[in-house]
Amino acid sequence: MARRQWNAKGVWYKSQKEHWLGWLSEYDGPGFYNRQNAKRSAQFVYNHINCAPMVLWLGEASGISKTKVFKAKRAALSAGSALSSQCAAIRKVIPWRMIEAILAEDEERPEE
């Protein structure tokens, strides 16, 4: 497998967290992408992100195991150069239901 990496040239954000928060800050309106419908579920949003590093970061930040995140990254880097293919490869390894289940577990844990 050829070694590939993502390129951050020309992006406005310094981290995927900043990218995600900026992206969401415009989600209740047309935003940069001229969205027609701003009332979407978290699952819809996750399944329509077209930035592989952001999708990976969301998995990692939600608590998906490092092993699973690494497997998803390898799948994305093997999926070719199309962003949609890379994101689809990640979502096959880390589907929304997996993230949702981990977040639901977190909500059920008592605060320390």
Protein backbone atom coordinates (compact mmCIF):
# COMPACT_ATOMS: atom_id res chain seq x y z
CA MET A 1 0.00 0.00 0.00
CA ALA A 2 1.39 3.38 -0.98
CA ARG A 3 1.83 5.77 1.94
CA ARG A 4 -0.57 8.70 1.65
CA GLN A 5 -1.35 11.57 3.95
CA TRP A 6 -3.93 14.31 3.98
CA ASN A 7 -2.93 17.80 3.03
CA ALA A 8 -3.87 20.85 5.15
CA LYS A 9 -2.77 23.50 2.65
CA GLY A 10 -5.21 26.38 2.36
CA VAL A 11 -7.51 25.38 5.24
CA TRP A 12 -8.76 27.98 7.71
CA TYR A 13 -8.74 25.74 10.81
CA LYS A 14 -5.85 24.56 12.98
CA SER A 15 -7.44 21.34 14.25
CA GLN A 16 -10.28 19.01 13.36
CA LYS A 17 -12.07 20.13 16.52
CA GLU A 18 -11.96 23.73 15.27
CA HIS A 19 -13.09 22.52 11.82
CA TRP A 20 -16.04 20.61 13.33
CA LEU A 21 -17.15 23.51 15.56
CA GLY A 22 -16.88 25.97 12.68
CA TRP A 23 -18.77 23.64 10.38
CA LEU A 24 -21.55 23.13 12.93
CA SER A 25 -21.78 26.84 13.76
CA GLU A 26 -23.26 27.41 10.30
CA TYR A 27 -25.40 24.27 10.23
CA ASP A 28 -28.66 25.91 11.28
CA GLY A 29 -28.72 27.94 8.07
CA PRO A 30 -27.40 27.81 4.50
CA GLY A 31 -23.78 28.25 5.62
CA PHE A 32 -20.84 27.94 3.25
CA TYR A 33 -22.49 25.07 1.34
CA ASN A 34 -25.83 26.85 0.76
CA ARG A 35 -27.78 24.12 2.57
CA GLN A 36 -31.46 23.92 1.74
CA ASN A 37 -32.53 22.08 4.91
CA ALA A 38 -30.87 22.90 8.23
CA LYS A 39 -33.03 20.57 10.34
CA ARG A 40 -31.04 17.34 10.13
CA SER A 41 -30.27 14.59 12.63
CA ALA A 42 -26.80 13.96 14.02
CA GLN A 43 -26.75 10.72 12.02
CA PHE A 44 -27.50 12.59 8.79
CA VAL A 45 -24.75 15.12 9.53
CA TYR A 46 -22.19 12.39 10.30
CA ASN A 47 -23.09 10.49 7.15
CA HIS A 48 -22.67 13.59 4.97
CA ILE A 49 -19.33 14.93 6.20
CA ASN A 50 -16.93 14.91 3.28
CA CYS A 51 -13.64 15.36 5.16
CA ALA A 52 -11.90 12.13 6.13
CA PRO A 53 -9.73 13.65 8.89
CA MET A 54 -12.83 15.19 10.48
CA VAL A 55 -14.76 11.90 10.38
CA LEU A 56 -11.78 10.14 11.99
CA TRP A 57 -11.49 12.84 14.63
CA LEU A 58 -15.19 12.51 15.49
CA GLY A 59 -14.73 8.79 16.01
CA GLU A 60 -11.67 9.31 18.16
CA ALA A 61 -13.20 12.18 20.16
CA SER A 62 -16.33 10.16 20.86
CA GLY A 63 -14.29 7.36 22.42
CA ILE A 64 -13.92 4.80 19.65
CA SER A 65 -10.88 2.61 20.36
CA LYS A 66 -7.53 3.65 18.91
CA THR A 67 -7.34 0.29 17.17
CA LYS A 68 -10.66 0.89 15.41
CA VAL A 69 -9.69 4.49 14.48
CA PHE A 70 -6.39 3.25 13.03
CA LYS A 71 -8.23 0.56 11.05
CA ALA A 72 -10.59 3.24 9.70
CA LYS A 73 -7.67 5.47 8.75
CA ARG A 74 -6.00 2.63 6.85
CA ALA A 75 -9.27 1.93 5.05
CA ALA A 76 -9.61 5.59 4.07
CA LEU A 77 -6.05 5.85 2.79
CA SER A 78 -6.63 2.70 0.71
CA ALA A 79 -9.90 4.02 -0.75
CA GLY A 80 -8.31 6.29 -3.36
CA SER A 81 -8.16 10.05 -3.59
CA ALA A 82 -11.90 10.84 -3.71
CA LEU A 83 -13.00 12.38 -0.40
CA SER A 84 -16.38 10.68 -0.58
CA SER A 85 -14.72 7.25 -0.98
CA GLN A 86 -12.38 7.93 1.94
CA CYS A 87 -15.26 8.98 4.20
CA ALA A 88 -17.37 6.00 3.14
CA ALA A 89 -14.47 3.68 4.00
CA ILE A 90 -14.21 5.24 7.47
CA ARG A 91 -17.96 4.99 8.05
CA LYS A 92 -17.86 1.28 7.17
CA VAL A 93 -15.45 0.75 10.05
CA ILE A 94 -16.99 3.39 12.36
CA PRO A 95 -20.71 3.62 11.55
CA TRP A 96 -22.92 6.19 13.25
CA ARG A 97 -24.60 3.55 15.43
CA MET A 98 -21.21 2.80 17.02
CA ILE A 99 -20.59 6.45 17.88
CA GLU A 100 -24.15 6.86 19.11
CA ALA A 101 -23.83 3.81 21.39
CA ILE A 102 -20.60 5.10 22.97
CA LEU A 103 -22.10 8.57 23.51
CA ALA A 104 -25.22 7.02 25.05
CA GLU A 105 -23.01 5.03 27.46
CA ASP A 106 -21.29 8.27 28.45
CA GLU A 107 -24.63 9.93 29.21
CA GLU A 108 -25.60 7.05 31.50
CA ARG A 109 -22.40 7.20 33.58
CA PRO A 110 -22.77 9.07 36.85
CA GLU A 111 -20.71 12.23 37.19
CA GLU A 112 -17.65 11.90 39.36
